[in-house]
């Protein structure tokens, strides 16, 4: 399926909570702008173990923004719920657990098709990870094993949320996030967007724009990483 479909409307948020603010506070303006007149949200809480508690947190936050939120884990027919949804929000947590549950409930293809048709998709953290072609650039531990690393493929690039720049004063000798992304590109050709906390990517009318309060670092095979700032179009970096 063509990831550059002009019908796709996708908002990918690096993190659910930004230091010094509450759950989704930093993203409220962008979420409101993105959803427009839509009032009903289908929530997919599969990335956390306690789905009831997660849904309660998300429902309360979205109610404060004026939206009704129902969770997919409370319905008897998950595919029907996706087919009837006005918009979908997938929250953060463990990316492997999330992807496995998307396979277990057989909704991957349904979400992919609905988004291609124009249904708005919001992802945060792990929910952003699964919007890429695969989850190979997640930082999460593989606490469960999904049938495949292949994900929703809503955008033509990998996502690496919570991107941290190397601290020159750190005594930590392990690999940096950038080094791990460069290792991915030794074996794969897909570009990677390292989204710093506070950064978001908004996809509309076939165009990808960096939003939020912080920048992103874009990695491409055989090329130097590129720094981008909020408001910049990213399309030329993903071709």
C-alpha atoms as a PDB file:
ATOM      1  CA  UNK A   1       0.000   0.000   0.000  1.00  0.00           C
ATOM      2  CA  UNK A   2       1.276   3.457  -0.888  1.00  0.00           C
ATOM      3  CA  UNK A   3       2.540   5.181   2.257  1.00  0.00           C
ATOM      4  CA  UNK A   4       2.326   8.563   0.498  1.00  0.00           C
ATOM      5  CA  UNK A   5      -1.430   8.285  -0.048  1.00  0.00           C
ATOM      6  CA  UNK A   6      -2.961  11.740  -0.149  1.00  0.00           C
ATOM      7  CA  UNK A   7      -5.910  10.498   1.915  1.00  0.00           C
ATOM      8  CA  UNK A   8      -3.823   9.574   4.946  1.00  0.00           C
ATOM      9  CA  UNK A   9      -4.060  11.716   8.053  1.00  0.00           C
ATOM     10  CA  UNK A  10      -1.528  10.674  10.690  1.00  0.00           C
ATOM     11  CA  UNK A  11      -0.181  12.369  13.832  1.00  0.00           C
ATOM     12  CA  UNK A  12       2.846  10.695  15.415  1.00  0.00           C
ATOM     13  CA  UNK A  13       3.837  11.962  18.872  1.00  0.00           C
ATOM     14  CA  UNK A  14       7.226  11.075  20.336  1.00  0.00           C
ATOM     15  CA  UNK A  15       6.067  10.926  23.970  1.00  0.00           C
ATOM     16  CA  UNK A  16       2.818  10.999  25.933  1.00  0.00           C
ATOM     17  CA  UNK A  17       4.161  13.133  28.780  1.00  0.00           C
ATOM     18  CA  UNK A  18       6.663  15.963  28.516  1.00  0.00           C
ATOM     19  CA  UNK A  19       8.740  16.912  31.557  1.00  0.00           C
ATOM     20  CA  UNK A  20       6.924  19.543  33.612  1.00  0.00           C
ATOM     21  CA  UNK A  21       3.459  18.859  32.171  1.00  0.00           C
ATOM     22  CA  UNK A  22       0.690  16.265  32.395  1.00  0.00           C
ATOM     23  CA  UNK A  23      -0.460  13.445  30.126  1.00  0.00           C
ATOM     24  CA  UNK A  24      -0.709  14.725  26.511  1.00  0.00           C
ATOM     25  CA  UNK A  25      -0.708  18.352  27.705  1.00  0.00           C
ATOM     26  CA  UNK A  26       2.075  19.291  25.289  1.00  0.00           C
ATOM     27  CA  UNK A  27       0.181  17.730  22.376  1.00  0.00           C
ATOM     28  CA  UNK A  28      -3.334  19.038  23.102  1.00  0.00           C
ATOM     29  CA  UNK A  29      -3.218  21.900  20.610  1.00  0.00           C
ATOM     30  CA  UNK A  30      -1.956  19.672  17.827  1.00  0.00           C
ATOM     31  CA  UNK A  31      -4.489  16.943  18.645  1.00  0.00           C
ATOM     32  CA  UNK A  32      -7.379  19.425  18.563  1.00  0.00           C
ATOM     33  CA  UNK A  33      -6.184  20.891  15.274  1.00  0.00           C
ATOM     34  CA  UNK A  34      -5.690  17.441  13.794  1.00  0.00           C
ATOM     35  CA  UNK A  35      -9.069  15.982  14.809  1.00  0.00           C
ATOM     36  CA  UNK A  36     -11.138  19.030  13.906  1.00  0.00           C
ATOM     37  CA  UNK A  37     -14.863  18.294  14.250  1.00  0.00           C
ATOM     38  CA  UNK A  38     -14.408  14.604  15.099  1.00  0.00           C
ATOM     39  CA  UNK A  39     -15.819  13.723  18.531  1.00  0.00           C
ATOM     40  CA  UNK A  40     -15.371   9.957  18.937  1.00  0.00           C
ATOM     41  CA  UNK A  41     -12.018   8.204  19.447  1.00  0.00           C
ATOM     42  CA  UNK A  42     -11.282   4.478  19.430  1.00  0.00           C
ATOM     43  CA  UNK A  43      -8.456   3.853  21.881  1.00  0.00           C
ATOM     44  CA  UNK A  44      -6.084   0.899  21.546  1.00  0.00           C
ATOM     45  CA  UNK A  45      -4.411   0.310  24.960  1.00  0.00           C
ATOM     46  CA  UNK A  46      -2.520  -2.862  24.025  1.00  0.00           C
ATOM     47  CA  UNK A  47       0.936  -1.482  24.888  1.00  0.00           C
ATOM     48  CA  UNK A  48       0.266  -1.644  28.658  1.00  0.00           C
ATOM     49  CA  UNK A  49      -0.719  -4.646  30.770  1.00  0.00           C
ATOM     50  CA  UNK A  50      -3.559  -2.969  32.730  1.00  0.00           C
ATOM     51  CA  UNK A  51      -5.823  -1.972  29.873  1.00  0.00           C
ATOM     52  CA  UNK A  52      -8.673  -0.819  32.113  1.00  0.00           C
ATOM     53  CA  UNK A  53      -6.498   1.629  34.038  1.00  0.00           C
ATOM     54  CA  UNK A  54      -4.865   2.864  30.849  1.00  0.00           C
ATOM     55  CA  UNK A  55      -8.244   3.438  29.231  1.00  0.00           C
ATOM     56  CA  UNK A  56      -9.459   5.346  32.284  1.00  0.00           C
ATOM     57  CA  UNK A  57      -6.468   7.695  32.079  1.00  0.00           C
ATOM     58  CA  UNK A  58      -6.868   8.261  28.345  1.00  0.00           C
ATOM     59  CA  UNK A  59     -10.659   8.680  28.527  1.00  0.00           C
ATOM     60  CA  UNK A  60     -10.387  11.308  31.247  1.00  0.00           C
ATOM     61  CA  UNK A  61      -7.769  13.268  29.294  1.00  0.00           C
ATOM     62  CA  UNK A  62      -9.721  13.183  26.043  1.00  0.00           C
ATOM     63  CA  UNK A  63     -12.948  14.159  27.820  1.00  0.00           C
ATOM     64  CA  UNK A  64     -11.179  17.291  29.040  1.00  0.00           C
ATOM     65  CA  UNK A  65     -10.455  18.046  25.389  1.00  0.00           C
ATOM     66  CA  UNK A  66     -14.085  17.457  24.438  1.00  0.00           C
ATOM     67  CA  UNK A  67     -13.838  13.970  22.931  1.00  0.00           C
ATOM     68  CA  UNK A  68     -15.546  10.674  23.737  1.00  0.00           C
ATOM     69  CA  UNK A  69     -13.107   7.772  23.987  1.00  0.00           C
ATOM     70  CA  UNK A  70     -13.948   4.063  23.912  1.00  0.00           C
ATOM     71  CA  UNK A  71     -11.431   1.243  24.124  1.00  0.00           C
ATOM     72  CA  UNK A  72     -11.095  -1.592  21.652  1.00  0.00           C
ATOM     73  CA  UNK A  73     -10.453  -4.070  24.483  1.00  0.00           C
ATOM     74  CA  UNK A  74     -14.035  -3.710  25.756  1.00  0.00           C
ATOM     75  CA  UNK A  75     -15.768  -4.685  22.491  1.00  0.00           C
ATOM     76  CA  UNK A  76     -16.637  -8.152  21.199  1.00  0.00           C
ATOM     77  CA  UNK A  77     -15.653  -7.470  17.585  1.00  0.00           C
ATOM     78  CA  UNK A  78     -12.363  -5.563  17.308  1.00  0.00           C
ATOM     79  CA  UNK A  79     -12.364  -5.391  13.514  1.00  0.00           C
ATOM     80  CA  UNK A  80     -15.880  -3.983  13.454  1.00  0.00           C
ATOM     81  CA  UNK A  81     -14.858  -1.364  16.029  1.00  0.00           C
ATOM     82  CA  UNK A  82     -12.011  -0.217  13.783  1.00  0.00           C
ATOM     83  CA  UNK A  83     -14.260  -0.219  10.730  1.00  0.00           C
ATOM     84  CA  UNK A  84     -16.775   2.011  12.512  1.00  0.00           C
ATOM     85  CA  UNK A  85     -14.278   4.319  14.246  1.00  0.00           C
ATOM     86  CA  UNK A  86     -14.113   8.038  13.481  1.00  0.00           C
ATOM     87  CA  UNK A  87     -10.459   8.110  14.564  1.00  0.00           C
ATOM     88  CA  UNK A  88      -7.950   5.821  16.289  1.00  0.00           C
ATOM     89  CA  UNK A  89      -5.486   6.626  19.070  1.00  0.00           C
ATOM     90  CA  UNK A  90      -2.786   4.116  20.042  1.00  0.00           C
ATOM     91  CA  UNK A  91      -0.913   4.993  23.221  1.00  0.00           C
ATOM     92  CA  UNK A  92       2.566   4.226  24.462  1.00  0.00           C
ATOM     93  CA  UNK A  93       4.022   1.355  26.432  1.00  0.00           C
ATOM     94  CA  UNK A  94       5.850  -1.723  25.178  1.00  0.00           C
ATOM     95  CA  UNK A  95       6.013  -1.873  21.390  1.00  0.00           C
ATOM     96  CA  UNK A  96       6.416  -5.661  21.210  1.00  0.00           C
ATOM     97  CA  UNK A  97       3.353  -6.242  23.401  1.00  0.00           C
ATOM     98  CA  UNK A  98       1.394  -3.735  21.325  1.00  0.00           C
ATOM     99  CA  UNK A  99       2.277  -5.261  17.975  1.00  0.00           C
ATOM    100  CA  UNK A 100       1.585  -8.807  19.166  1.00  0.00           C
ATOM    101  CA  UNK A 101      -1.887  -7.760  20.336  1.00  0.00           C
ATOM    102  CA  UNK A 102      -2.578  -6.042  17.009  1.00  0.00           C
ATOM    103  CA  UNK A 103      -1.779  -9.354  15.320  1.00  0.00           C
ATOM    104  CA  UNK A 104      -3.745 -11.385  17.890  1.00  0.00           C
ATOM    105  CA  UNK A 105      -6.877  -9.287  17.333  1.00  0.00           C
ATOM    106  CA  UNK A 106      -6.333  -9.299  13.563  1.00  0.00           C
ATOM    107  CA  UNK A 107      -6.732  -5.537  13.204  1.00  0.00           C
ATOM    108  CA  UNK A 108      -3.442  -4.575  11.495  1.00  0.00           C
ATOM    109  CA  UNK A 109      -4.835  -4.767   7.983  1.00  0.00           C
ATOM    110  CA  UNK A 110      -8.098  -3.093   8.988  1.00  0.00           C
ATOM    111  CA  UNK A 111      -6.323  -0.116  10.573  1.00  0.00           C
ATOM    112  CA  UNK A 112      -4.024   0.161   7.566  1.00  0.00           C
ATOM    113  CA  UNK A 113      -6.966   0.183   5.160  1.00  0.00           C
ATOM    114  CA  UNK A 114      -9.036   2.664   7.188  1.00  0.00           C
ATOM    115  CA  UNK A 115      -6.105   5.079   7.453  1.00  0.00           C
ATOM    116  CA  UNK A 116      -5.508   4.788   3.688  1.00  0.00           C
ATOM    117  CA  UNK A 117      -9.150   5.757   3.258  1.00  0.00           C
ATOM    118  CA  UNK A 118      -8.730   8.845   5.428  1.00  0.00           C
ATOM    119  CA  UNK A 119      -9.474   7.816   9.022  1.00  0.00           C
ATOM    120  CA  UNK A 120      -7.286   9.942  11.341  1.00  0.00           C
ATOM    121  CA  UNK A 121      -4.615   8.004  13.250  1.00  0.00           C
ATOM    122  CA  UNK A 122      -2.866   9.325  16.355  1.00  0.00           C
ATOM    123  CA  UNK A 123       0.056   7.429  17.834  1.00  0.00           C
ATOM    124  CA  UNK A 124       2.190   8.205  20.851  1.00  0.00           C
ATOM    125  CA  UNK A 125       5.527   6.543  21.632  1.00  0.00           C
ATOM    126  CA  UNK A 126       4.860   2.829  20.962  1.00  0.00           C
ATOM    127  CA  UNK A 127       1.770   3.890  19.025  1.00  0.00           C
ATOM    128  CA  UNK A 128       4.098   5.915  16.807  1.00  0.00           C
ATOM    129  CA  UNK A 129       6.586   3.042  16.519  1.00  0.00           C
ATOM    130  CA  UNK A 130       3.952   0.725  15.015  1.00  0.00           C
ATOM    131  CA  UNK A 131       3.001   3.335  12.407  1.00  0.00           C
ATOM    132  CA  UNK A 132       6.270   2.702  10.568  1.00  0.00           C
ATOM    133  CA  UNK A 133       7.025  -0.195   8.219  1.00  0.00           C
ATOM    134  CA  UNK A 134       8.478  -2.251  11.096  1.00  0.00           C
ATOM    135  CA  UNK A 135       9.256  -1.908  14.812  1.00  0.00           C
ATOM    136  CA  UNK A 136      12.972  -2.609  14.313  1.00  0.00           C
ATOM    137  CA  UNK A 137      13.980   0.817  15.701  1.00  0.00           C
ATOM    138  CA  UNK A 138      12.111   0.596  19.022  1.00  0.00           C
ATOM    139  CA  UNK A 139      14.134   0.832  22.231  1.00  0.00           C
ATOM    140  CA  UNK A 140      11.749  -1.515  24.079  1.00  0.00           C
ATOM    141  CA  UNK A 141      12.576  -4.975  25.391  1.00  0.00           C
ATOM    142  CA  UNK A 142      10.990  -7.913  23.517  1.00  0.00           C
ATOM    143  CA  UNK A 143       8.915  -9.071  26.500  1.00  0.00           C
ATOM    144  CA  UNK A 144       6.649 -10.987  24.102  1.00  0.00           C
ATOM    145  CA  UNK A 145       7.187 -12.241  20.555  1.00  0.00           C
ATOM    146  CA  UNK A 146       4.893 -10.950  17.794  1.00  0.00           C
ATOM    147  CA  UNK A 147       4.518 -13.085  14.661  1.00  0.00           C
ATOM    148  CA  UNK A 148       6.504 -10.510  12.702  1.00  0.00           C
ATOM    149  CA  UNK A 149       8.266  -7.165  13.158  1.00  0.00           C
ATOM    150  CA  UNK A 150       6.184  -5.821  10.243  1.00  0.00           C
ATOM    151  CA  UNK A 151       3.891  -3.049  11.477  1.00  0.00           C
ATOM    152  CA  UNK A 152       1.217  -0.716  10.070  1.00  0.00           C
ATOM    153  CA  UNK A 153       3.367   0.881   7.350  1.00  0.00           C
ATOM    154  CA  UNK A 154       1.413   4.145   7.483  1.00  0.00           C
ATOM    155  CA  UNK A 155       4.523   6.230   6.761  1.00  0.00           C
ATOM    156  CA  UNK A 156       7.584   5.507   4.587  1.00  0.00           C
ATOM    157  CA  UNK A 157      10.093   5.772   7.428  1.00  0.00           C
ATOM    158  CA  UNK A 158      11.004   4.125  10.704  1.00  0.00           C
ATOM    159  CA  UNK A 159      10.295   5.968  13.936  1.00  0.00           C
ATOM    160  CA  UNK A 160      12.602   6.131  16.948  1.00  0.00           C
ATOM    161  CA  UNK A 161      10.703   8.040  19.654  1.00  0.00           C
ATOM    162  CA  UNK A 162      12.280   9.575  22.773  1.00  0.00           C
ATOM    163  CA  UNK A 163      15.423  10.292  20.765  1.00  0.00           C
ATOM    164  CA  UNK A 164      18.285  11.301  23.052  1.00  0.00           C
ATOM    165  CA  UNK A 165      21.381  13.116  21.870  1.00  0.00           C
ATOM    166  CA  UNK A 166      24.670  11.801  23.286  1.00  0.00           C
ATOM    167  CA  UNK A 167      25.671  13.506  26.538  1.00  0.00           C
ATOM    168  CA  UNK A 168      29.322  14.581  26.197  1.00  0.00           C
ATOM    169  CA  UNK A 169      29.678  14.567  29.997  1.00  0.00           C
ATOM    170  CA  UNK A 170      28.249  11.087  30.508  1.00  0.00           C
ATOM    171  CA  UNK A 171      30.483   8.236  31.687  1.00  0.00           C
ATOM    172  CA  UNK A 172      28.069   5.650  30.250  1.00  0.00           C
ATOM    173  CA  UNK A 173      29.989   3.396  27.854  1.00  0.00           C
ATOM    174  CA  UNK A 174      27.031   1.674  26.179  1.00  0.00           C
ATOM    175  CA  UNK A 175      25.743   2.394  22.683  1.00  0.00           C
ATOM    176  CA  UNK A 176      23.913   5.650  22.082  1.00  0.00           C
ATOM    177  CA  UNK A 177      20.547   5.746  20.358  1.00  0.00           C
ATOM    178  CA  UNK A 178      22.232   7.224  17.295  1.00  0.00           C
ATOM    179  CA  UNK A 179      24.718   4.351  17.133  1.00  0.00           C
ATOM    180  CA  UNK A 180      21.881   1.832  17.268  1.00  0.00           C
ATOM    181  CA  UNK A 181      20.022   3.611  14.453  1.00  0.00           C
ATOM    182  CA  UNK A 182      23.190   3.615  12.346  1.00  0.00           C
ATOM    183  CA  UNK A 183      23.493  -0.147  12.974  1.00  0.00           C
ATOM    184  CA  UNK A 184      19.917  -0.532  11.690  1.00  0.00           C
ATOM    185  CA  UNK A 185      20.915   1.295   8.501  1.00  0.00           C
ATOM    186  CA  UNK A 186      23.860  -1.059   8.002  1.00  0.00           C
ATOM    187  CA  UNK A 187      21.300  -3.813   7.422  1.00  0.00           C
ATOM    188  CA  UNK A 188      18.216  -1.876   6.181  1.00  0.00           C
ATOM    189  CA  UNK A 189      17.456   0.886   3.665  1.00  0.00           C
ATOM    190  CA  UNK A 190      14.455   2.596   5.295  1.00  0.00           C
ATOM    191  CA  UNK A 191      15.042   6.142   6.648  1.00  0.00           C
ATOM    192  CA  UNK A 192      14.662   6.681  10.401  1.00  0.00           C
ATOM    193  CA  UNK A 193      13.157   9.700  12.154  1.00  0.00           C
ATOM    194  CA  UNK A 194      14.688  10.180  15.593  1.00  0.00           C
ATOM    195  CA  UNK A 195      11.937  12.173  17.319  1.00  0.00           C
ATOM    196  CA  UNK A 196      13.110  14.095  20.360  1.00  0.00           C
ATOM    197  CA  UNK A 197      10.661  14.402  23.234  1.00  0.00           C
ATOM    198  CA  UNK A 198       8.152  17.089  22.355  1.00  0.00           C
ATOM    199  CA  UNK A 199       8.428  16.397  18.612  1.00  0.00           C
ATOM    200  CA  UNK A 200       5.604  15.174  16.375  1.00  0.00           C
ATOM    201  CA  UNK A 201       5.166  14.338  12.712  1.00  0.00           C
ATOM    202  CA  UNK A 202       1.889  15.311  11.052  1.00  0.00           C
ATOM    203  CA  UNK A 203       0.919  13.679   7.765  1.00  0.00           C
ATOM    204  CA  UNK A 204      -1.765  15.301   5.615  1.00  0.00           C
ATOM    205  CA  UNK A 205      -2.363  15.720   1.877  1.00  0.00           C
ATOM    206  CA  UNK A 206       0.602  13.475   1.157  1.00  0.00           C
ATOM    207  CA  UNK A 207       3.009  15.742   3.048  1.00  0.00           C
ATOM    208  CA  UNK A 208       5.033  15.140   6.228  1.00  0.00           C
ATOM    209  CA  UNK A 209       5.631  18.112   8.551  1.00  0.00           C
ATOM    210  CA  UNK A 210       7.564  18.252  11.811  1.00  0.00           C
ATOM    211  CA  UNK A 211       5.467  19.715  14.617  1.00  0.00           C
ATOM    212  CA  UNK A 212       5.831  20.236  18.358  1.00  0.00           C
ATOM    213  CA  UNK A 213       8.423  21.976  20.484  1.00  0.00           C
ATOM    214  CA  UNK A 214      11.624  20.149  19.565  1.00  0.00           C
ATOM    215  CA  UNK A 215      13.475  18.942  16.523  1.00  0.00           C
ATOM    216  CA  UNK A 216      14.092  15.582  14.934  1.00  0.00           C
ATOM    217  CA  UNK A 217      17.211  13.930  13.542  1.00  0.00           C
ATOM    218  CA  UNK A 218      16.681  12.120  10.260  1.00  0.00           C
ATOM    219  CA  UNK A 219      18.935   9.208   9.356  1.00  0.00           C
ATOM    220  CA  UNK A 220      19.349   7.796   5.840  1.00  0.00           C
ATOM    221  CA  UNK A 221      21.565   5.000   4.597  1.00  0.00           C
ATOM    222  CA  UNK A 222      24.908   6.243   3.313  1.00  0.00           C
ATOM    223  CA  UNK A 223      24.185   9.906   4.141  1.00  0.00           C
ATOM    224  CA  UNK A 224      24.952  12.202   7.059  1.00  0.00           C
ATOM    225  CA  UNK A 225      22.107  12.679   9.569  1.00  0.00           C
ATOM    226  CA  UNK A 226      19.977  15.787   9.000  1.00  0.00           C
ATOM    227  CA  UNK A 227      18.714  18.095  11.747  1.00  0.00           C
ATOM    228  CA  UNK A 228      15.148  19.357  11.322  1.00  0.00           C
ATOM    229  CA  UNK A 229      13.117  21.963  13.202  1.00  0.00           C
ATOM    230  CA  UNK A 230       9.384  22.285  13.981  1.00  0.00           C
ATOM    231  CA  UNK A 231       7.482  23.597  10.977  1.00  0.00           C
ATOM    232  CA  UNK A 232       9.811  22.039   8.404  1.00  0.00           C
ATOM    233  CA  UNK A 233       8.542  19.765   5.644  1.00  0.00           C
ATOM    234  CA  UNK A 234      10.252  16.373   5.688  1.00  0.00           C
ATOM    235  CA  UNK A 235       9.057  14.918   2.390  1.00  0.00           C
ATOM    236  CA  UNK A 236      12.382  15.271   0.560  1.00  0.00           C
ATOM    237  CA  UNK A 237      14.145  13.286   3.291  1.00  0.00           C
ATOM    238  CA  UNK A 238      11.973  10.191   2.869  1.00  0.00           C
ATOM    239  CA  UNK A 239      12.141   9.649  -0.887  1.00  0.00           C
END
